[in-house]
């Protein structure tokens, strides 16, 4: 049992440092892949909000604190802090490069869903996703060389209508934002209206 006041204070600071370091490591290890897969790979949500990240960090703190309390190790020394601090440094370095890469990805439009994978003249098409740009930064929607008419534009939703085409064809629909960055293609067909009555 620690009785010296200075030793108690030192022990509390070291234990707090250990809990904080491990909590941050756990948070970064969870948040990096979760954010990437949910927002960029599986396209489930446009973004993880700061509030959600705060709750996740709090959850990591509670988990680490509970585990350390269950282990009941009263011998926290400077030596026991070295490995967690090294892991924290490596994790923060990884997070720095991940964050740069993730911010670069946010420059490109991502299509989550399209209301229809085909259209005829005058037919409205709703496109949902992210990084399209705000209404004052409207870009363009096109299938090959056929550019659609913009009716409503926001960073996460676009409403366009197909103009009169010179030919009917299958191609890929893409969104280009005001910066000139283009989304991945979405299979799309420009149909002949006569085929709808057959």
N, C-alpha and C. Protein backbone atom coordinates (compact mmCIF):
# COMPACT_ATOMS: atom_id res chain seq x y z
N UNK A 1 0.85 -1.20 0.00
CA UNK A 1 0.00 0.00 0.00
C UNK A 1 0.88 1.24 0.00
N UNK A 2 0.58 2.22 -0.89
CA UNK A 2 1.36 3.44 -0.98
C UNK A 2 0.84 4.44 0.05
N UNK A 3 1.77 4.98 0.88
CA UNK A 3 1.34 5.91 1.93
C UNK A 3 1.92 7.31 1.76
N UNK A 4 3.12 7.42 1.20
CA UNK A 4 3.75 8.73 1.01
C UNK A 4 2.91 9.57 0.05
N UNK A 5 2.62 10.84 0.45
CA UNK A 5 1.77 11.71 -0.37
C UNK A 5 2.37 11.97 -1.74
N UNK A 6 3.67 12.22 -1.79
CA UNK A 6 4.34 12.46 -3.08
C UNK A 6 4.26 11.22 -3.98
N UNK A 7 4.45 10.06 -3.35
CA UNK A 7 4.38 8.81 -4.13
C UNK A 7 2.96 8.55 -4.62
N UNK A 8 1.98 8.89 -3.79
CA UNK A 8 0.58 8.71 -4.21
C UNK A 8 0.28 9.61 -5.40
N UNK A 9 0.70 10.88 -5.32
CA UNK A 9 0.48 11.83 -6.43
C UNK A 9 1.17 11.35 -7.70
N UNK A 10 2.41 10.88 -7.54
CA UNK A 10 3.17 10.39 -8.69
C UNK A 10 2.48 9.16 -9.30
N UNK A 11 2.02 8.27 -8.41
CA UNK A 11 1.33 7.06 -8.87
C UNK A 11 0.04 7.40 -9.62
N UNK A 12 -0.74 8.34 -9.07
CA UNK A 12 -2.00 8.76 -9.71
C UNK A 12 -1.73 9.37 -11.08
N UNK A 13 -0.69 10.20 -11.18
CA UNK A 13 -0.36 10.82 -12.47
C UNK A 13 0.07 9.77 -13.48
N UNK A 14 0.88 8.82 -13.05
CA UNK A 14 1.33 7.77 -13.97
C UNK A 14 0.17 6.89 -14.43
N UNK A 15 -0.72 6.56 -13.47
CA UNK A 15 -1.87 5.73 -13.83
C UNK A 15 -2.80 6.49 -14.78
N UNK A 16 -2.99 7.78 -14.52
CA UNK A 16 -3.81 8.61 -15.41
C UNK A 16 -3.18 8.68 -16.80
N UNK A 17 -1.85 8.82 -16.83
CA UNK A 17 -1.15 8.85 -18.12
C UNK A 17 -1.30 7.55 -18.88
N UNK A 18 -1.22 6.44 -18.14
CA UNK A 18 -1.38 5.12 -18.76
C UNK A 18 -2.78 4.96 -19.33
N UNK A 19 -3.80 5.33 -18.54
CA UNK A 19 -5.19 5.21 -18.99
C UNK A 19 -5.44 6.11 -20.20
N UNK A 20 -4.95 7.35 -20.14
CA UNK A 20 -5.15 8.29 -21.25
C UNK A 20 -4.48 7.79 -22.52
N UNK A 21 -3.23 7.29 -22.39
CA UNK A 21 -2.49 6.80 -23.56
C UNK A 21 -3.19 5.62 -24.20
N UNK A 22 -3.56 4.64 -23.38
CA UNK A 22 -4.22 3.44 -23.92
C UNK A 22 -5.60 3.76 -24.49
N UNK A 23 -6.31 4.70 -23.85
CA UNK A 23 -7.63 5.10 -24.36
C UNK A 23 -7.51 5.72 -25.74
N UNK A 24 -6.52 6.60 -25.91
CA UNK A 24 -6.32 7.26 -27.20
C UNK A 24 -5.89 6.26 -28.27
N UNK A 25 -5.02 5.32 -27.90
CA UNK A 25 -4.61 4.27 -28.85
C UNK A 25 -5.82 3.46 -29.29
N UNK A 26 -6.63 3.01 -28.31
CA UNK A 26 -7.82 2.22 -28.64
C UNK A 26 -8.78 3.01 -29.52
N UNK A 27 -8.97 4.29 -29.20
CA UNK A 27 -9.86 5.15 -29.99
C UNK A 27 -9.38 5.25 -31.44
N UNK A 28 -8.09 5.55 -31.62
CA UNK A 28 -7.55 5.72 -32.98
C UNK A 28 -7.59 4.42 -33.77
N UNK A 29 -7.32 3.30 -33.07
CA UNK A 29 -7.34 1.99 -33.74
C UNK A 29 -8.75 1.63 -34.19
N UNK A 30 -9.75 2.08 -33.42
CA UNK A 30 -11.15 1.81 -33.78
C UNK A 30 -11.66 2.81 -34.82
N UNK A 31 -11.40 4.12 -34.60
CA UNK A 31 -12.03 5.15 -35.44
C UNK A 31 -11.48 5.16 -36.86
N UNK A 32 -10.18 4.92 -37.05
CA UNK A 32 -9.62 4.99 -38.40
C UNK A 32 -10.27 4.00 -39.36
N UNK A 33 -10.26 2.68 -39.05
CA UNK A 33 -10.90 1.76 -40.00
C UNK A 33 -12.42 1.92 -40.07
N UNK A 34 -13.06 2.24 -38.92
CA UNK A 34 -14.51 2.41 -38.91
C UNK A 34 -14.92 3.55 -39.83
N UNK A 35 -14.26 4.70 -39.68
CA UNK A 35 -14.58 5.86 -40.50
C UNK A 35 -14.35 5.57 -41.98
N UNK A 36 -13.22 4.95 -42.28
CA UNK A 36 -12.90 4.67 -43.68
C UNK A 36 -13.91 3.72 -44.32
N UNK A 37 -14.19 2.60 -43.64
CA UNK A 37 -15.08 1.61 -44.23
C UNK A 37 -16.52 2.11 -44.33
N UNK A 38 -17.01 2.81 -43.30
CA UNK A 38 -18.40 3.28 -43.33
C UNK A 38 -18.63 4.42 -44.31
N UNK A 39 -17.64 5.30 -44.48
CA UNK A 39 -17.85 6.50 -45.31
C UNK A 39 -17.23 6.42 -46.70
N UNK A 40 -16.23 5.55 -46.88
CA UNK A 40 -15.55 5.50 -48.18
C UNK A 40 -15.67 4.16 -48.90
N UNK A 41 -15.66 3.08 -48.13
CA UNK A 41 -15.66 1.76 -48.76
C UNK A 41 -17.07 1.20 -48.95
N UNK A 42 -17.83 1.11 -47.85
CA UNK A 42 -19.18 0.57 -47.93
C UNK A 42 -20.22 1.65 -48.24
N UNK A 43 -19.85 2.92 -48.13
CA UNK A 43 -20.74 4.06 -48.42
C UNK A 43 -22.05 3.98 -47.64
N UNK A 44 -21.95 3.73 -46.34
CA UNK A 44 -23.12 3.62 -45.48
C UNK A 44 -23.60 4.99 -45.04
N UNK A 45 -22.69 5.84 -44.61
CA UNK A 45 -23.00 7.20 -44.15
C UNK A 45 -22.02 8.18 -44.78
N UNK A 46 -22.44 9.44 -44.95
CA UNK A 46 -21.50 10.43 -45.53
C UNK A 46 -20.32 10.73 -44.62
N UNK A 47 -20.55 10.75 -43.29
CA UNK A 47 -19.47 11.08 -42.35
C UNK A 47 -19.83 10.61 -40.95
N UNK A 48 -18.82 10.44 -40.12
CA UNK A 48 -19.02 10.20 -38.69
C UNK A 48 -18.93 11.55 -38.01
N UNK A 49 -19.95 11.92 -37.27
CA UNK A 49 -20.02 13.26 -36.69
C UNK A 49 -19.05 13.41 -35.52
N UNK A 50 -18.65 14.65 -35.21
CA UNK A 50 -17.79 14.89 -34.04
C UNK A 50 -18.42 14.37 -32.74
N UNK A 51 -19.74 14.49 -32.62
CA UNK A 51 -20.41 14.00 -31.41
C UNK A 51 -20.26 12.49 -31.28
N UNK A 52 -20.41 11.77 -32.39
CA UNK A 52 -20.24 10.31 -32.37
C UNK A 52 -18.80 9.94 -31.99
N UNK A 53 -17.84 10.73 -32.49
CA UNK A 53 -16.43 10.47 -32.16
C UNK A 53 -16.18 10.71 -30.67
N UNK A 54 -16.82 11.74 -30.11
CA UNK A 54 -16.67 12.03 -28.68
C UNK A 54 -17.19 10.88 -27.84
N UNK A 55 -18.37 10.35 -28.19
CA UNK A 55 -18.93 9.21 -27.45
C UNK A 55 -18.04 7.99 -27.58
N UNK A 56 -17.45 7.80 -28.76
CA UNK A 56 -16.55 6.66 -28.95
C UNK A 56 -15.31 6.80 -28.08
N UNK A 57 -14.76 8.02 -28.00
CA UNK A 57 -13.58 8.26 -27.16
C UNK A 57 -13.92 8.00 -25.69
N UNK A 58 -15.08 8.46 -25.27
CA UNK A 58 -15.52 8.22 -23.88
C UNK A 58 -15.66 6.72 -23.62
N UNK A 59 -16.22 6.00 -24.58
CA UNK A 59 -16.36 4.55 -24.44
C UNK A 59 -15.01 3.86 -24.31
N UNK A 60 -14.03 4.31 -25.11
CA UNK A 60 -12.68 3.74 -25.03
C UNK A 60 -12.07 4.00 -23.65
N UNK A 61 -12.27 5.21 -23.14
CA UNK A 61 -11.75 5.55 -21.81
C UNK A 61 -12.36 4.64 -20.74
N UNK A 62 -13.67 4.44 -20.81
CA UNK A 62 -14.36 3.61 -19.82
C UNK A 62 -13.86 2.16 -19.89
N UNK A 63 -13.67 1.64 -21.10
CA UNK A 63 -13.18 0.27 -21.27
C UNK A 63 -11.78 0.12 -20.67
N UNK A 64 -10.88 1.03 -21.04
CA UNK A 64 -9.50 0.95 -20.54
C UNK A 64 -9.46 1.11 -19.03
N UNK A 65 -10.20 2.08 -18.51
CA UNK A 65 -10.24 2.31 -17.06
C UNK A 65 -10.75 1.07 -16.34
N UNK A 66 -11.81 0.46 -16.86
CA UNK A 66 -12.39 -0.74 -16.24
C UNK A 66 -11.41 -1.90 -16.24
N UNK A 67 -10.71 -2.11 -17.37
CA UNK A 67 -9.76 -3.21 -17.48
C UNK A 67 -8.61 -3.02 -16.49
N UNK A 68 -8.09 -1.79 -16.41
CA UNK A 68 -6.98 -1.53 -15.49
C UNK A 68 -7.43 -1.70 -14.04
N UNK A 69 -8.65 -1.29 -13.74
CA UNK A 69 -9.17 -1.46 -12.38
C UNK A 69 -9.35 -2.95 -12.04
N UNK A 70 -9.81 -3.72 -13.04
CA UNK A 70 -10.00 -5.16 -12.80
C UNK A 70 -8.67 -5.87 -12.58
N UNK A 71 -7.64 -5.42 -13.28
CA UNK A 71 -6.31 -6.03 -13.11
C UNK A 71 -5.71 -5.67 -11.75
N UNK A 72 -6.16 -4.54 -11.19
CA UNK A 72 -5.72 -4.08 -9.87
C UNK A 72 -4.20 -4.06 -9.74
N UNK A 73 -3.55 -3.48 -10.73
CA UNK A 73 -2.09 -3.37 -10.65
C UNK A 73 -1.74 -2.04 -9.97
N UNK A 74 -1.21 -2.14 -8.77
CA UNK A 74 -0.83 -0.93 -8.04
C UNK A 74 0.66 -0.61 -8.21
N UNK A 75 1.27 -1.23 -9.19
CA UNK A 75 2.71 -0.99 -9.40
C UNK A 75 2.94 -0.35 -10.75
N UNK A 76 2.31 0.79 -10.98
CA UNK A 76 2.55 1.53 -12.22
C UNK A 76 3.84 2.33 -12.04
N UNK A 77 4.81 2.06 -12.91
CA UNK A 77 6.08 2.78 -12.85
C UNK A 77 6.33 3.46 -14.18
N UNK A 78 7.40 4.25 -14.22
CA UNK A 78 7.76 4.91 -15.47
C UNK A 78 8.08 3.88 -16.55
N UNK A 79 8.62 2.74 -16.14
CA UNK A 79 8.95 1.69 -17.12
C UNK A 79 7.68 1.12 -17.77
N UNK A 80 6.59 1.01 -16.98
CA UNK A 80 5.36 0.47 -17.55
C UNK A 80 4.70 1.45 -18.52
N UNK A 81 5.11 2.72 -18.46
CA UNK A 81 4.54 3.73 -19.37
C UNK A 81 5.25 3.76 -20.72
N UNK A 82 6.46 3.20 -20.79
CA UNK A 82 7.26 3.32 -22.01
C UNK A 82 6.58 2.67 -23.21
N UNK A 83 6.15 1.40 -23.05
CA UNK A 83 5.53 0.69 -24.17
C UNK A 83 4.24 1.37 -24.63
N UNK A 84 3.29 1.73 -23.72
CA UNK A 84 2.09 2.44 -24.17
C UNK A 84 2.40 3.76 -24.88
N UNK A 85 3.43 4.47 -24.41
CA UNK A 85 3.79 5.74 -25.05
C UNK A 85 4.37 5.52 -26.44
N UNK A 86 5.16 4.45 -26.60
CA UNK A 86 5.70 4.13 -27.93
C UNK A 86 4.56 3.75 -28.88
N UNK A 87 3.64 2.91 -28.37
CA UNK A 87 2.47 2.53 -29.19
C UNK A 87 1.65 3.76 -29.55
N UNK A 88 1.46 4.66 -28.58
CA UNK A 88 0.71 5.89 -28.83
C UNK A 88 1.38 6.74 -29.91
N UNK A 89 2.70 6.88 -29.83
CA UNK A 89 3.44 7.66 -30.82
C UNK A 89 3.28 7.06 -32.21
N UNK A 90 3.41 5.74 -32.31
CA UNK A 90 3.24 5.07 -33.60
C UNK A 90 1.81 5.23 -34.13
N UNK A 91 0.84 5.12 -33.23
CA UNK A 91 -0.57 5.26 -33.63
C UNK A 91 -0.86 6.69 -34.10
N UNK A 92 -0.34 7.68 -33.39
CA UNK A 92 -0.54 9.08 -33.78
C UNK A 92 0.10 9.36 -35.14
N UNK A 93 1.27 8.76 -35.37
CA UNK A 93 1.94 8.92 -36.68
C UNK A 93 1.07 8.31 -37.78
N UNK A 94 0.56 7.09 -37.52
CA UNK A 94 -0.34 6.46 -38.49
C UNK A 94 -1.58 7.28 -38.72
N UNK A 95 -2.14 7.85 -37.65
CA UNK A 95 -3.34 8.68 -37.77
C UNK A 95 -3.06 9.93 -38.59
N UNK A 96 -1.87 10.51 -38.44
CA UNK A 96 -1.50 11.70 -39.22
C UNK A 96 -1.56 11.41 -40.72
N UNK A 97 -0.96 10.29 -41.13
CA UNK A 97 -0.95 9.94 -42.56
C UNK A 97 -2.35 9.52 -43.03
N UNK A 98 -3.08 8.81 -42.16
CA UNK A 98 -4.45 8.43 -42.50
C UNK A 98 -5.30 9.68 -42.71
N UNK A 99 -5.18 10.66 -41.81
CA UNK A 99 -5.98 11.87 -41.88
C UNK A 99 -5.70 12.64 -43.16
N UNK A 100 -4.44 12.72 -43.56
CA UNK A 100 -4.09 13.40 -44.83
C UNK A 100 -4.73 12.68 -46.02
N UNK A 101 -4.64 11.34 -45.99
CA UNK A 101 -5.24 10.56 -47.09
C UNK A 101 -6.75 10.71 -47.10
N UNK A 102 -7.37 10.67 -45.90
CA UNK A 102 -8.84 10.77 -45.81
C UNK A 102 -9.32 12.14 -46.30
N UNK A 103 -8.60 13.20 -45.93
CA UNK A 103 -8.97 14.56 -46.38
C UNK A 103 -8.84 14.68 -47.90
N UNK A 104 -7.86 14.00 -48.46
CA UNK A 104 -7.71 14.01 -49.92
C UNK A 104 -8.90 13.33 -50.59
N UNK A 105 -9.40 12.24 -49.98
CA UNK A 105 -10.57 11.54 -50.53
C UNK A 105 -11.82 12.42 -50.52
N UNK A 106 -11.89 13.36 -49.57
CA UNK A 106 -13.08 14.21 -49.45
C UNK A 106 -13.19 15.23 -50.58
N UNK A 107 -12.20 15.32 -51.43
CA UNK A 107 -12.26 16.23 -52.58
C UNK A 107 -13.06 15.61 -53.72
N UNK A 108 -13.25 14.29 -53.66
CA UNK A 108 -13.88 13.58 -54.78
C UNK A 108 -15.33 13.23 -54.48
N UNK A 109 -16.24 13.48 -55.44
CA UNK A 109 -17.65 13.10 -55.25
C UNK A 109 -17.77 11.58 -55.10
N UNK A 110 -18.69 11.16 -54.21
CA UNK A 110 -18.97 9.74 -54.05
C UNK A 110 -20.47 9.53 -54.20
N UNK A 111 -20.85 8.66 -55.10
CA UNK A 111 -22.27 8.35 -55.31
C UNK A 111 -22.66 7.19 -54.40
N UNK A 112 -23.69 7.41 -53.56
CA UNK A 112 -24.21 6.34 -52.71
C UNK A 112 -25.36 5.61 -53.39
N UNK A 113 -26.23 6.39 -54.07
CA UNK A 113 -27.40 5.79 -54.68
C UNK A 113 -27.94 6.69 -55.79
N UNK A 114 -28.58 6.07 -56.79
CA UNK A 114 -29.25 6.80 -57.88
C UNK A 114 -30.67 6.26 -57.96
N UNK A 115 -31.63 7.15 -58.13
CA UNK A 115 -33.05 6.75 -58.11
C UNK A 115 -33.40 5.79 -59.25
N UNK A 116 -32.66 5.85 -60.34
CA UNK A 116 -32.90 4.94 -61.46
C UNK A 116 -31.60 4.74 -62.22
N UNK A 117 -31.41 3.55 -62.79
CA UNK A 117 -30.19 3.32 -63.57
C UNK A 117 -30.43 3.51 -65.07
N UNK A 118 -31.55 4.15 -65.40
CA UNK A 118 -31.84 4.50 -66.79
C UNK A 118 -32.71 5.75 -66.79
N UNK A 119 -32.79 6.39 -67.96
CA UNK A 119 -33.66 7.57 -68.07
C UNK A 119 -34.07 7.80 -69.52
N UNK A 120 -35.13 8.61 -69.66
CA UNK A 120 -35.56 9.10 -70.97
C UNK A 120 -35.60 10.62 -70.88
N UNK A 121 -35.85 11.27 -72.00
CA UNK A 121 -35.90 12.73 -72.04
C UNK A 121 -36.85 13.31 -70.99
N UNK A 122 -36.37 14.28 -70.19
CA UNK A 122 -37.18 14.97 -69.20
C UNK A 122 -37.39 14.22 -67.90
N UNK A 123 -36.86 13.01 -67.80
CA UNK A 123 -37.04 12.21 -66.59
C UNK A 123 -36.12 12.70 -65.48
N UNK A 124 -36.68 12.97 -64.27
CA UNK A 124 -35.82 13.41 -63.17
C UNK A 124 -35.05 12.24 -62.55
N UNK A 125 -33.82 12.50 -62.21
CA UNK A 125 -32.95 11.50 -61.56
C UNK A 125 -32.39 12.12 -60.29
N UNK A 126 -32.59 11.42 -59.16
CA UNK A 126 -32.04 11.90 -57.89
C UNK A 126 -30.79 11.09 -57.55
N UNK A 127 -29.73 11.80 -57.23
CA UNK A 127 -28.45 11.18 -56.88
C UNK A 127 -28.10 11.58 -55.46
N UNK A 128 -27.83 10.58 -54.62
CA UNK A 128 -27.41 10.88 -53.25
C UNK A 128 -25.97 10.42 -53.06
N UNK A 129 -25.27 11.13 -52.21
CA UNK A 129 -23.87 10.81 -51.96
C UNK A 129 -23.22 11.88 -51.10
N UNK A 130 -22.00 12.22 -51.43
CA UNK A 130 -21.31 13.26 -50.67
C UNK A 130 -20.22 13.90 -51.53
N UNK A 131 -19.75 15.04 -51.05
CA UNK A 131 -18.67 15.80 -51.69
C UNK A 131 -19.06 16.32 -53.08
N UNK A 132 -20.35 16.57 -53.28
CA UNK A 132 -20.80 17.12 -54.57
C UNK A 132 -20.48 18.61 -54.68
N UNK A 133 -20.43 19.29 -53.55
CA UNK A 133 -20.26 20.75 -53.55
C UNK A 133 -21.60 21.40 -53.25
N UNK A 134 -21.57 22.60 -52.69
CA UNK A 134 -22.80 23.31 -52.33
C UNK A 134 -23.48 23.91 -53.56
N UNK A 135 -24.71 24.41 -53.36
CA UNK A 135 -25.50 24.89 -54.50
C UNK A 135 -24.81 26.01 -55.27
N UNK A 136 -23.99 26.81 -54.57
CA UNK A 136 -23.27 27.88 -55.28
C UNK A 136 -21.99 27.35 -55.94
N UNK A 137 -21.73 26.05 -55.74
CA UNK A 137 -20.56 25.41 -56.37
C UNK A 137 -21.01 24.22 -57.22
N UNK A 138 -22.14 24.36 -57.88
CA UNK A 138 -22.69 23.24 -58.65
C UNK A 138 -21.72 22.78 -59.73
N UNK A 139 -21.66 21.48 -59.89
CA UNK A 139 -20.82 20.91 -60.94
C UNK A 139 -21.70 20.41 -62.07
N UNK A 140 -21.41 19.20 -62.54
CA UNK A 140 -22.20 18.65 -63.64
C UNK A 140 -22.39 17.15 -63.46
N UNK A 141 -23.47 16.66 -64.10
CA UNK A 141 -23.77 15.22 -64.14
C UNK A 141 -23.87 14.83 -65.60
N UNK A 142 -23.21 13.76 -65.97
CA UNK A 142 -23.25 13.35 -67.38
C UNK A 142 -23.08 11.84 -67.53
N UNK A 143 -23.59 11.38 -68.66
CA UNK A 143 -23.35 10.00 -69.08
C UNK A 143 -22.60 10.10 -70.40
N UNK A 144 -21.36 9.68 -70.37
CA UNK A 144 -20.45 9.88 -71.50
C UNK A 144 -20.41 11.38 -71.84
N UNK A 145 -20.86 11.78 -73.04
CA UNK A 145 -20.83 13.20 -73.41
C UNK A 145 -22.16 13.91 -73.16
N UNK A 146 -23.19 13.18 -72.78
CA UNK A 146 -24.51 13.76 -72.56
C UNK A 146 -24.60 14.35 -71.16
N UNK A 147 -24.69 15.70 -71.09
CA UNK A 147 -24.75 16.37 -69.78
C UNK A 147 -26.19 16.64 -69.39
N UNK A 148 -26.53 16.28 -68.16
CA UNK A 148 -27.89 16.46 -67.65
C UNK A 148 -28.10 17.90 -67.18
N UNK A 149 -29.38 18.31 -67.10
CA UNK A 149 -29.73 19.64 -66.63
C UNK A 149 -29.89 19.63 -65.12
N UNK A 150 -29.19 20.54 -64.43
CA UNK A 150 -29.27 20.61 -62.96
C UNK A 150 -30.54 21.32 -62.53
N UNK A 151 -31.26 20.72 -61.58
CA UNK A 151 -32.46 21.36 -61.01
C UNK A 151 -32.29 21.66 -59.53
N UNK A 152 -31.56 20.82 -58.83
CA UNK A 152 -31.28 21.07 -57.43
C UNK A 152 -29.92 20.46 -57.11
N UNK A 153 -29.10 21.22 -56.38
CA UNK A 153 -27.74 20.75 -56.11
C UNK A 153 -27.39 21.06 -54.67
N UNK A 154 -26.92 20.04 -53.95
CA UNK A 154 -26.37 20.25 -52.60
C UNK A 154 -25.19 19.31 -52.44
N UNK A 155 -24.53 19.39 -51.31
CA UNK A 155 -23.33 18.58 -51.10
C UNK A 155 -23.63 17.09 -51.03
N UNK A 156 -24.88 16.74 -50.69
CA UNK A 156 -25.23 15.32 -50.52
C UNK A 156 -26.36 14.83 -51.44
N UNK A 157 -26.99 15.75 -52.18
CA UNK A 157 -28.10 15.33 -53.05
C UNK A 157 -28.19 16.21 -54.30
N UNK A 158 -28.43 15.56 -55.41
CA UNK A 158 -28.55 16.27 -56.70
C UNK A 158 -29.82 15.79 -57.39
N UNK A 159 -30.55 16.73 -58.00
CA UNK A 159 -31.69 16.38 -58.84
C UNK A 159 -31.42 16.92 -60.23
N UNK A 160 -31.40 16.02 -61.22
CA UNK A 160 -31.13 16.41 -62.60
C UNK A 160 -32.19 15.83 -63.52
N UNK A 161 -32.26 16.38 -64.75
CA UNK A 161 -33.15 15.83 -65.77
C UNK A 161 -32.36 15.58 -67.04
N UNK A 162 -32.76 14.52 -67.73
CA UNK A 162 -32.06 14.18 -68.96
C UNK A 162 -32.52 15.07 -70.11
N UNK A 163 -31.60 15.61 -70.87
CA UNK A 163 -31.99 16.38 -72.07
C UNK A 163 -32.29 15.44 -73.25
N UNK A 164 -32.61 16.01 -74.39
CA UNK A 164 -32.85 15.21 -75.60
C UNK A 164 -31.51 14.66 -76.09
N UNK A 165 -31.38 13.33 -76.19
CA UNK A 165 -30.10 12.77 -76.64
C UNK A 165 -30.04 12.65 -78.16
N UNK A 166 -28.82 12.62 -78.67
CA UNK A 166 -28.63 12.40 -80.11
C UNK A 166 -28.73 10.91 -80.44
N UNK A 167 -28.46 10.06 -79.43
CA UNK A 167 -28.52 8.61 -79.64
C UNK A 167 -28.89 7.96 -78.31
N UNK A 168 -29.23 6.69 -78.35
CA UNK A 168 -29.57 5.92 -77.17
C UNK A 168 -28.43 4.93 -76.93
N UNK A 169 -27.99 4.85 -75.70
CA UNK A 169 -26.79 4.04 -75.42
C UNK A 169 -26.69 3.70 -73.93
N UNK A 170 -25.76 2.81 -73.62
CA UNK A 170 -25.42 2.47 -72.24
C UNK A 170 -24.03 3.03 -71.95
N UNK A 171 -23.88 3.59 -70.77
CA UNK A 171 -22.59 4.15 -70.40
C UNK A 171 -22.47 4.22 -68.89
N UNK A 172 -21.70 5.18 -68.43
CA UNK A 172 -21.52 5.38 -66.99
C UNK A 172 -21.87 6.81 -66.62
N UNK A 173 -22.72 6.95 -65.60
CA UNK A 173 -23.07 8.26 -65.08
C UNK A 173 -22.00 8.68 -64.07
N UNK A 174 -21.52 9.91 -64.22
CA UNK A 174 -20.53 10.44 -63.27
C UNK A 174 -20.96 11.82 -62.80
N UNK A 175 -20.52 12.17 -61.60
CA UNK A 175 -20.71 13.51 -61.05
C UNK A 175 -19.35 14.19 -61.03
N UNK A 176 -19.31 15.40 -61.58
CA UNK A 176 -18.09 16.21 -61.52
C UNK A 176 -18.37 17.44 -60.69
N UNK A 177 -17.57 17.66 -59.63
CA UNK A 177 -17.82 18.84 -58.80
C UNK A 177 -17.12 20.07 -59.38
N UNK A 178 -17.31 21.21 -58.73
CA UNK A 178 -16.79 22.47 -59.25
C UNK A 178 -15.26 22.49 -59.31
N UNK A 179 -14.63 21.63 -58.52
CA UNK A 179 -13.15 21.57 -58.53
C UNK A 179 -12.62 20.77 -59.72
N UNK A 180 -13.54 20.11 -60.45
CA UNK A 180 -13.12 19.29 -61.58
C UNK A 180 -12.84 17.85 -61.20
N UNK A 181 -13.15 17.47 -59.96
CA UNK A 181 -12.95 16.09 -59.52
C UNK A 181 -14.17 15.25 -59.90
N UNK A 182 -13.93 14.05 -60.39
CA UNK A 182 -14.99 13.20 -60.95
C UNK A 182 -15.18 11.95 -60.09
N UNK A 183 -16.46 11.59 -59.90
CA UNK A 183 -16.79 10.39 -59.13
C UNK A 183 -16.50 9.14 -59.94
N UNK A 184 -16.59 8.00 -59.26
CA UNK A 184 -16.53 6.73 -59.97
C UNK A 184 -17.80 6.59 -60.79
N UNK A 185 -17.72 5.87 -61.90
CA UNK A 185 -18.86 5.71 -62.79
C UNK A 185 -19.93 4.80 -62.23
N UNK A 186 -21.19 5.10 -62.59
CA UNK A 186 -22.34 4.29 -62.18
C UNK A 186 -23.02 3.81 -63.47
N UNK A 187 -23.17 2.49 -63.67
CA UNK A 187 -23.78 1.99 -64.92
C UNK A 187 -25.14 2.64 -65.17
N UNK A 188 -25.33 3.15 -66.38
CA UNK A 188 -26.54 3.92 -66.68
C UNK A 188 -26.90 3.76 -68.15
N UNK A 189 -28.23 3.78 -68.43
CA UNK A 189 -28.70 3.62 -69.80
C UNK A 189 -29.56 4.80 -70.22
N UNK A 190 -29.25 5.35 -71.38
CA UNK A 190 -30.09 6.38 -72.01
C UNK A 190 -31.03 5.63 -72.94
N UNK A 191 -32.32 5.54 -72.55
CA UNK A 191 -33.26 4.69 -73.27
C UNK A 191 -34.06 5.46 -74.32
N UNK A 192 -34.47 4.68 -75.30
CA UNK A 192 -35.40 5.17 -76.32
C UNK A 192 -36.82 5.10 -75.70
N UNK A 193 -37.57 6.23 -75.64
CA UNK A 193 -38.90 6.22 -75.03
C UNK A 193 -39.86 5.22 -75.70
N UNK A 194 -39.64 4.94 -76.99
CA UNK A 194 -40.52 4.00 -77.70
C UNK A 194 -40.46 2.60 -77.12
N UNK A 195 -39.32 2.24 -76.52
CA UNK A 195 -39.18 0.89 -75.96
C UNK A 195 -40.03 0.70 -74.71
N UNK A 196 -40.48 1.79 -74.09
CA UNK A 196 -41.28 1.69 -72.87
C UNK A 196 -42.71 1.24 -73.16
N UNK A 197 -43.15 1.39 -74.42
CA UNK A 197 -44.52 1.03 -74.78
C UNK A 197 -44.61 -0.37 -75.38
N UNK A 198 -43.47 -1.02 -75.49
CA UNK A 198 -43.49 -2.35 -76.11
C UNK A 198 -43.70 -3.42 -75.04
